[in-house]
Amino acid sequence: GLGNIYVCEALFRAGLNPSRPAGVLANARGGPTRAAVALAKAIREVLEEAIEAGGSTLRDHRQADGGLGYFQHAFSVYDREGAACLRSRCAGTIARVPHSGRSTFYCPVCQK
């Protein structure tokens, strides 16, 4: 699975609220909905950008050569609780909710 950092960032890019039921990703015939297509695209983009940046160094992540990752400088929502949403035309404030003992960050205004 994806780590919670990348999940938060992908859900933000796809405009999906992390509390929405997973059923919104499939239609009645089991095919992908627009939300599923948007999420799959966002996951690919986030992972590609994170790999390019060497990952996210928050506490102990190091690359194989000992170098640090820099993707944390590009976070839109992760670990930004109380900060203004970075999406243009959104007046939201990033919120944090616990899910299974982990923190989930999202914008309650633009992530529906």
N, C-alpha and C. Protein backbone atom coordinates (compact mmCIF):
# COMPACT_ATOMS: atom_id res chain seq x y z
N GLY A 1 0.81 -1.18 0.00
CA GLY A 1 0.00 0.00 0.00
C GLY A 1 0.86 1.25 0.00
N LEU A 2 0.21 2.35 -0.06
CA LEU A 2 0.87 3.65 -0.01
C LEU A 2 1.02 4.09 1.43
N GLY A 3 2.06 4.86 1.71
CA GLY A 3 2.21 5.45 3.02
C GLY A 3 1.22 6.60 3.18
N ASN A 4 0.95 6.98 4.44
CA ASN A 4 -0.07 7.99 4.67
C ASN A 4 0.32 9.36 4.11
N ILE A 5 1.59 9.66 4.00
CA ILE A 5 2.01 10.93 3.39
C ILE A 5 1.50 10.98 1.95
N TYR A 6 1.79 9.95 1.18
CA TYR A 6 1.45 9.94 -0.23
C TYR A 6 -0.05 9.80 -0.45
N VAL A 7 -0.74 9.10 0.45
CA VAL A 7 -2.19 9.01 0.37
C VAL A 7 -2.82 10.39 0.57
N CYS A 8 -2.36 11.11 1.59
CA CYS A 8 -2.90 12.46 1.84
C CYS A 8 -2.69 13.36 0.64
N GLU A 9 -1.50 13.34 0.08
CA GLU A 9 -1.19 14.20 -1.06
C GLU A 9 -1.99 13.81 -2.30
N ALA A 10 -2.15 12.51 -2.55
CA ALA A 10 -2.91 12.05 -3.72
C ALA A 10 -4.39 12.38 -3.57
N LEU A 11 -4.95 12.17 -2.40
CA LEU A 11 -6.36 12.51 -2.18
C LEU A 11 -6.60 14.00 -2.37
N PHE A 12 -5.66 14.83 -1.92
CA PHE A 12 -5.79 16.27 -2.12
C PHE A 12 -5.81 16.59 -3.60
N ARG A 13 -4.87 16.05 -4.34
CA ARG A 13 -4.80 16.34 -5.78
C ARG A 13 -6.05 15.87 -6.52
N ALA A 14 -6.62 14.75 -6.06
CA ALA A 14 -7.82 14.23 -6.70
C ALA A 14 -9.08 14.93 -6.20
N GLY A 15 -8.95 15.75 -5.16
CA GLY A 15 -10.10 16.47 -4.62
C GLY A 15 -11.05 15.58 -3.83
N LEU A 16 -10.52 14.49 -3.28
CA LEU A 16 -11.35 13.53 -2.54
C LEU A 16 -11.14 13.66 -1.04
N ASN A 17 -12.22 13.68 -0.30
CA ASN A 17 -12.17 13.71 1.15
C ASN A 17 -11.78 12.32 1.65
N PRO A 18 -10.83 12.22 2.58
CA PRO A 18 -10.40 10.90 3.06
C PRO A 18 -11.48 10.11 3.79
N SER A 19 -12.58 10.76 4.17
CA SER A 19 -13.66 10.06 4.87
C SER A 19 -14.73 9.52 3.94
N ARG A 20 -14.60 9.77 2.65
CA ARG A 20 -15.59 9.23 1.70
C ARG A 20 -15.47 7.72 1.63
N PRO A 21 -16.60 7.05 1.48
CA PRO A 21 -16.53 5.59 1.36
C PRO A 21 -15.83 5.16 0.07
N ALA A 22 -15.12 4.06 0.15
CA ALA A 22 -14.38 3.55 -1.01
C ALA A 22 -15.30 3.22 -2.17
N GLY A 23 -16.57 3.00 -1.90
CA GLY A 23 -17.53 2.68 -2.94
C GLY A 23 -17.69 3.75 -4.00
N VAL A 24 -17.26 4.99 -3.72
CA VAL A 24 -17.37 6.06 -4.72
C VAL A 24 -16.39 5.84 -5.87
N LEU A 25 -15.51 4.87 -5.73
CA LEU A 25 -14.49 4.62 -6.75
C LEU A 25 -14.94 3.63 -7.82
N ALA A 26 -16.09 2.99 -7.61
CA ALA A 26 -16.60 2.02 -8.58
C ALA A 26 -18.07 2.30 -8.88
N ASN A 27 -18.45 2.12 -10.13
CA ASN A 27 -19.86 2.29 -10.49
C ASN A 27 -20.61 0.98 -10.25
N ALA A 28 -21.88 0.96 -10.56
CA ALA A 28 -22.73 -0.22 -10.29
C ALA A 28 -22.24 -1.47 -11.00
N ARG A 29 -21.55 -1.32 -12.12
CA ARG A 29 -21.03 -2.48 -12.86
C ARG A 29 -19.62 -2.84 -12.43
N GLY A 30 -19.06 -2.11 -11.48
CA GLY A 30 -17.72 -2.40 -10.99
C GLY A 30 -16.62 -1.67 -11.72
N GLY A 31 -16.99 -0.83 -12.67
CA GLY A 31 -16.00 -0.05 -13.41
C GLY A 31 -15.58 1.18 -12.63
N PRO A 32 -14.48 1.79 -13.02
CA PRO A 32 -13.99 2.97 -12.31
C PRO A 32 -14.87 4.19 -12.56
N THR A 33 -15.06 4.99 -11.52
CA THR A 33 -15.75 6.26 -11.64
C THR A 33 -14.73 7.35 -11.98
N ARG A 34 -15.22 8.57 -12.23
CA ARG A 34 -14.30 9.68 -12.46
C ARG A 34 -13.38 9.87 -11.27
N ALA A 35 -13.92 9.67 -10.06
CA ALA A 35 -13.11 9.82 -8.85
C ALA A 35 -11.97 8.82 -8.84
N ALA A 36 -12.22 7.59 -9.27
CA ALA A 36 -11.18 6.56 -9.31
C ALA A 36 -10.10 6.90 -10.33
N VAL A 37 -10.51 7.39 -11.47
CA VAL A 37 -9.55 7.77 -12.51
C VAL A 37 -8.69 8.94 -12.01
N ALA A 38 -9.33 9.92 -11.38
CA ALA A 38 -8.59 11.07 -10.85
C ALA A 38 -7.61 10.63 -9.75
N LEU A 39 -8.04 9.72 -8.90
CA LEU A 39 -7.18 9.25 -7.82
C LEU A 39 -5.99 8.45 -8.36
N ALA A 40 -6.23 7.59 -9.32
CA ALA A 40 -5.13 6.81 -9.91
C ALA A 40 -4.10 7.73 -10.55
N LYS A 41 -4.56 8.76 -11.25
CA LYS A 41 -3.66 9.73 -11.87
C LYS A 41 -2.88 10.48 -10.80
N ALA A 42 -3.55 10.90 -9.75
CA ALA A 42 -2.89 11.64 -8.66
C ALA A 42 -1.86 10.77 -7.95
N ILE A 43 -2.16 9.51 -7.73
CA ILE A 43 -1.20 8.60 -7.08
C ILE A 43 0.07 8.50 -7.92
N ARG A 44 -0.10 8.29 -9.22
CA ARG A 44 1.07 8.19 -10.11
C ARG A 44 1.90 9.47 -10.05
N GLU A 45 1.24 10.62 -10.14
CA GLU A 45 1.96 11.90 -10.12
C GLU A 45 2.71 12.10 -8.81
N VAL A 46 2.05 11.84 -7.69
CA VAL A 46 2.68 12.03 -6.37
C VAL A 46 3.89 11.10 -6.25
N LEU A 47 3.73 9.84 -6.61
CA LEU A 47 4.85 8.90 -6.48
C LEU A 47 6.01 9.26 -7.41
N GLU A 48 5.70 9.67 -8.63
CA GLU A 48 6.76 10.08 -9.56
C GLU A 48 7.52 11.29 -9.01
N GLU A 49 6.80 12.27 -8.49
CA GLU A 49 7.45 13.46 -7.94
C GLU A 49 8.25 13.13 -6.68
N ALA A 50 7.71 12.25 -5.85
CA ALA A 50 8.42 11.86 -4.63
C ALA A 50 9.71 11.11 -4.96
N ILE A 51 9.65 10.21 -5.93
CA ILE A 51 10.85 9.48 -6.35
C ILE A 51 11.89 10.45 -6.90
N GLU A 52 11.43 11.37 -7.74
CA GLU A 52 12.34 12.37 -8.33
C GLU A 52 13.02 13.20 -7.23
N ALA A 53 12.27 13.48 -6.15
CA ALA A 53 12.81 14.29 -5.05
C ALA A 53 13.58 13.46 -4.02
N GLY A 54 13.64 12.17 -4.22
CA GLY A 54 14.39 11.32 -3.29
C GLY A 54 13.60 10.91 -2.07
N GLY A 55 12.28 10.99 -2.13
CA GLY A 55 11.44 10.61 -1.00
C GLY A 55 11.21 11.77 -0.05
N SER A 56 10.66 11.44 1.11
CA SER A 56 10.33 12.45 2.12
C SER A 56 11.13 12.19 3.38
N THR A 57 12.02 13.09 3.71
CA THR A 57 12.80 12.95 4.93
C THR A 57 12.13 13.75 6.03
N LEU A 58 11.51 13.04 6.96
CA LEU A 58 10.88 13.71 8.10
C LEU A 58 11.69 13.46 9.36
N ARG A 59 12.06 12.22 9.60
CA ARG A 59 12.86 11.90 10.77
C ARG A 59 14.06 11.03 10.41
N ASP A 60 13.79 9.88 9.83
CA ASP A 60 14.87 8.92 9.66
C ASP A 60 15.04 8.37 8.25
N HIS A 61 14.29 8.85 7.27
CA HIS A 61 14.43 8.33 5.91
C HIS A 61 15.75 8.81 5.29
N ARG A 62 16.46 7.88 4.72
CA ARG A 62 17.69 8.19 3.97
C ARG A 62 17.65 7.40 2.67
N GLN A 63 18.27 7.93 1.65
CA GLN A 63 18.41 7.21 0.40
C GLN A 63 19.53 6.19 0.56
N ALA A 64 19.68 5.30 -0.39
CA ALA A 64 20.70 4.26 -0.31
C ALA A 64 22.10 4.84 -0.14
N ASP A 65 22.35 6.01 -0.71
CA ASP A 65 23.67 6.64 -0.59
C ASP A 65 23.80 7.52 0.66
N GLY A 66 22.77 7.49 1.51
CA GLY A 66 22.80 8.29 2.74
C GLY A 66 22.22 9.67 2.60
N GLY A 67 21.87 10.07 1.37
CA GLY A 67 21.31 11.39 1.13
C GLY A 67 19.89 11.51 1.63
N LEU A 68 19.46 12.74 1.77
CA LEU A 68 18.12 13.02 2.23
C LEU A 68 17.16 13.16 1.06
N GLY A 69 15.88 12.95 1.32
CA GLY A 69 14.85 13.21 0.33
C GLY A 69 14.34 14.63 0.52
N TYR A 70 13.70 15.17 -0.51
CA TYR A 70 13.24 16.56 -0.45
C TYR A 70 11.77 16.74 -0.79
N PHE A 71 11.02 15.66 -0.93
CA PHE A 71 9.61 15.80 -1.30
C PHE A 71 8.81 16.51 -0.22
N GLN A 72 9.23 16.47 1.03
CA GLN A 72 8.50 17.14 2.11
C GLN A 72 8.38 18.65 1.87
N HIS A 73 9.23 19.21 1.05
CA HIS A 73 9.14 20.64 0.75
C HIS A 73 8.03 20.94 -0.25
N ALA A 74 7.43 19.90 -0.82
CA ALA A 74 6.36 20.06 -1.79
C ALA A 74 5.00 19.63 -1.25
N PHE A 75 4.91 19.32 0.04
CA PHE A 75 3.63 18.88 0.60
C PHE A 75 2.57 19.95 0.44
N SER A 76 1.40 19.54 0.00
CA SER A 76 0.25 20.44 -0.08
C SER A 76 -0.60 20.38 1.18
N VAL A 77 -0.70 19.18 1.77
CA VAL A 77 -1.52 19.02 2.98
C VAL A 77 -0.81 18.33 4.13
N TYR A 78 0.03 17.37 3.84
CA TYR A 78 0.62 16.57 4.91
C TYR A 78 1.39 17.45 5.90
N ASP A 79 1.09 17.28 7.18
CA ASP A 79 1.76 17.98 8.29
C ASP A 79 1.58 19.50 8.21
N ARG A 80 0.49 19.95 7.60
CA ARG A 80 0.22 21.39 7.47
C ARG A 80 -1.04 21.80 8.21
N GLU A 81 -1.40 21.07 9.26
CA GLU A 81 -2.61 21.36 10.03
C GLU A 81 -2.65 22.84 10.43
N GLY A 82 -3.80 23.47 10.19
CA GLY A 82 -4.00 24.86 10.55
C GLY A 82 -3.52 25.86 9.51
N ALA A 83 -2.80 25.40 8.49
CA ALA A 83 -2.31 26.29 7.43
C ALA A 83 -3.39 26.48 6.37
N ALA A 84 -3.29 27.56 5.64
CA ALA A 84 -4.22 27.83 4.55
C ALA A 84 -4.04 26.82 3.43
N CYS A 85 -5.14 26.44 2.81
CA CYS A 85 -5.09 25.55 1.65
C CYS A 85 -4.33 26.25 0.54
N LEU A 86 -3.49 25.50 -0.15
CA LEU A 86 -2.68 26.05 -1.24
C LEU A 86 -3.41 26.10 -2.58
N ARG A 87 -4.58 25.49 -2.65
CA ARG A 87 -5.33 25.48 -3.91
C ARG A 87 -5.90 26.88 -4.15
N SER A 88 -5.69 27.39 -5.35
CA SER A 88 -6.20 28.72 -5.65
C SER A 88 -7.73 28.75 -5.53
N ARG A 89 -8.22 29.84 -5.07
CA ARG A 89 -9.66 30.07 -4.87
C ARG A 89 -10.26 29.22 -3.76
N CYS A 90 -9.46 28.66 -2.90
CA CYS A 90 -9.98 27.91 -1.76
C CYS A 90 -9.62 28.67 -0.50
N ALA A 91 -10.60 28.90 0.33
CA ALA A 91 -10.37 29.61 1.59
C ALA A 91 -10.28 28.64 2.76
N GLY A 92 -10.05 27.37 2.47
CA GLY A 92 -10.02 26.35 3.51
C GLY A 92 -8.74 26.36 4.33
N THR A 93 -8.82 25.66 5.44
CA THR A 93 -7.69 25.48 6.35
C THR A 93 -7.44 23.98 6.49
N ILE A 94 -6.19 23.58 6.38
CA ILE A 94 -5.85 22.15 6.45
C ILE A 94 -6.20 21.60 7.83
N ALA A 95 -6.90 20.47 7.82
CA ALA A 95 -7.32 19.80 9.05
C ALA A 95 -6.58 18.48 9.20
N ARG A 96 -6.56 17.97 10.42
CA ARG A 96 -5.94 16.68 10.71
C ARG A 96 -6.96 15.82 11.44
N VAL A 97 -7.10 14.58 11.00
CA VAL A 97 -7.95 13.61 11.68
C VAL A 97 -7.16 12.31 11.84
N PRO A 98 -7.37 11.60 12.94
CA PRO A 98 -6.69 10.30 13.08
C PRO A 98 -7.47 9.21 12.34
N HIS A 99 -6.74 8.38 11.65
CA HIS A 99 -7.27 7.18 11.00
C HIS A 99 -6.34 6.03 11.35
N SER A 100 -6.84 5.06 12.07
CA SER A 100 -6.06 3.87 12.44
C SER A 100 -4.73 4.24 13.09
N GLY A 101 -4.75 5.23 13.97
CA GLY A 101 -3.55 5.61 14.70
C GLY A 101 -2.58 6.48 13.92
N ARG A 102 -2.92 6.85 12.71
CA ARG A 102 -2.06 7.70 11.88
C ARG A 102 -2.80 9.01 11.62
N SER A 103 -2.04 10.04 11.31
CA SER A 103 -2.65 11.33 11.01
C SER A 103 -2.97 11.43 9.53
N THR A 104 -4.16 11.93 9.24
CA THR A 104 -4.59 12.19 7.88
C THR A 104 -4.84 13.69 7.77
N PHE A 105 -4.24 14.32 6.79
CA PHE A 105 -4.36 15.76 6.58
C PHE A 105 -5.14 16.00 5.30
N TYR A 106 -6.04 17.00 5.32
CA TYR A 106 -6.85 17.29 4.14
C TYR A 106 -7.48 18.68 4.28
N CYS A 107 -8.00 19.18 3.18
CA CYS A 107 -8.73 20.45 3.19
C CYS A 107 -10.23 20.13 3.17
N PRO A 108 -10.94 20.43 4.26
CA PRO A 108 -12.38 20.11 4.30
C PRO A 108 -13.22 20.95 3.35
N VAL A 109 -12.67 22.01 2.79
CA VAL A 109 -13.42 22.86 1.87
C VAL A 109 -13.37 22.31 0.44
N CYS A 110 -12.20 22.02 -0.06
CA CYS A 110 -12.11 21.63 -1.47
C CYS A 110 -11.99 20.11 -1.71
N GLN A 111 -11.83 19.33 -0.67
CA GLN A 111 -11.82 17.87 -0.84
C GLN A 111 -13.20 17.37 -0.46
N LYS A 112 -13.97 16.99 -1.45
CA LYS A 112 -15.36 16.57 -1.24
C LYS A 112 -15.53 15.08 -1.26
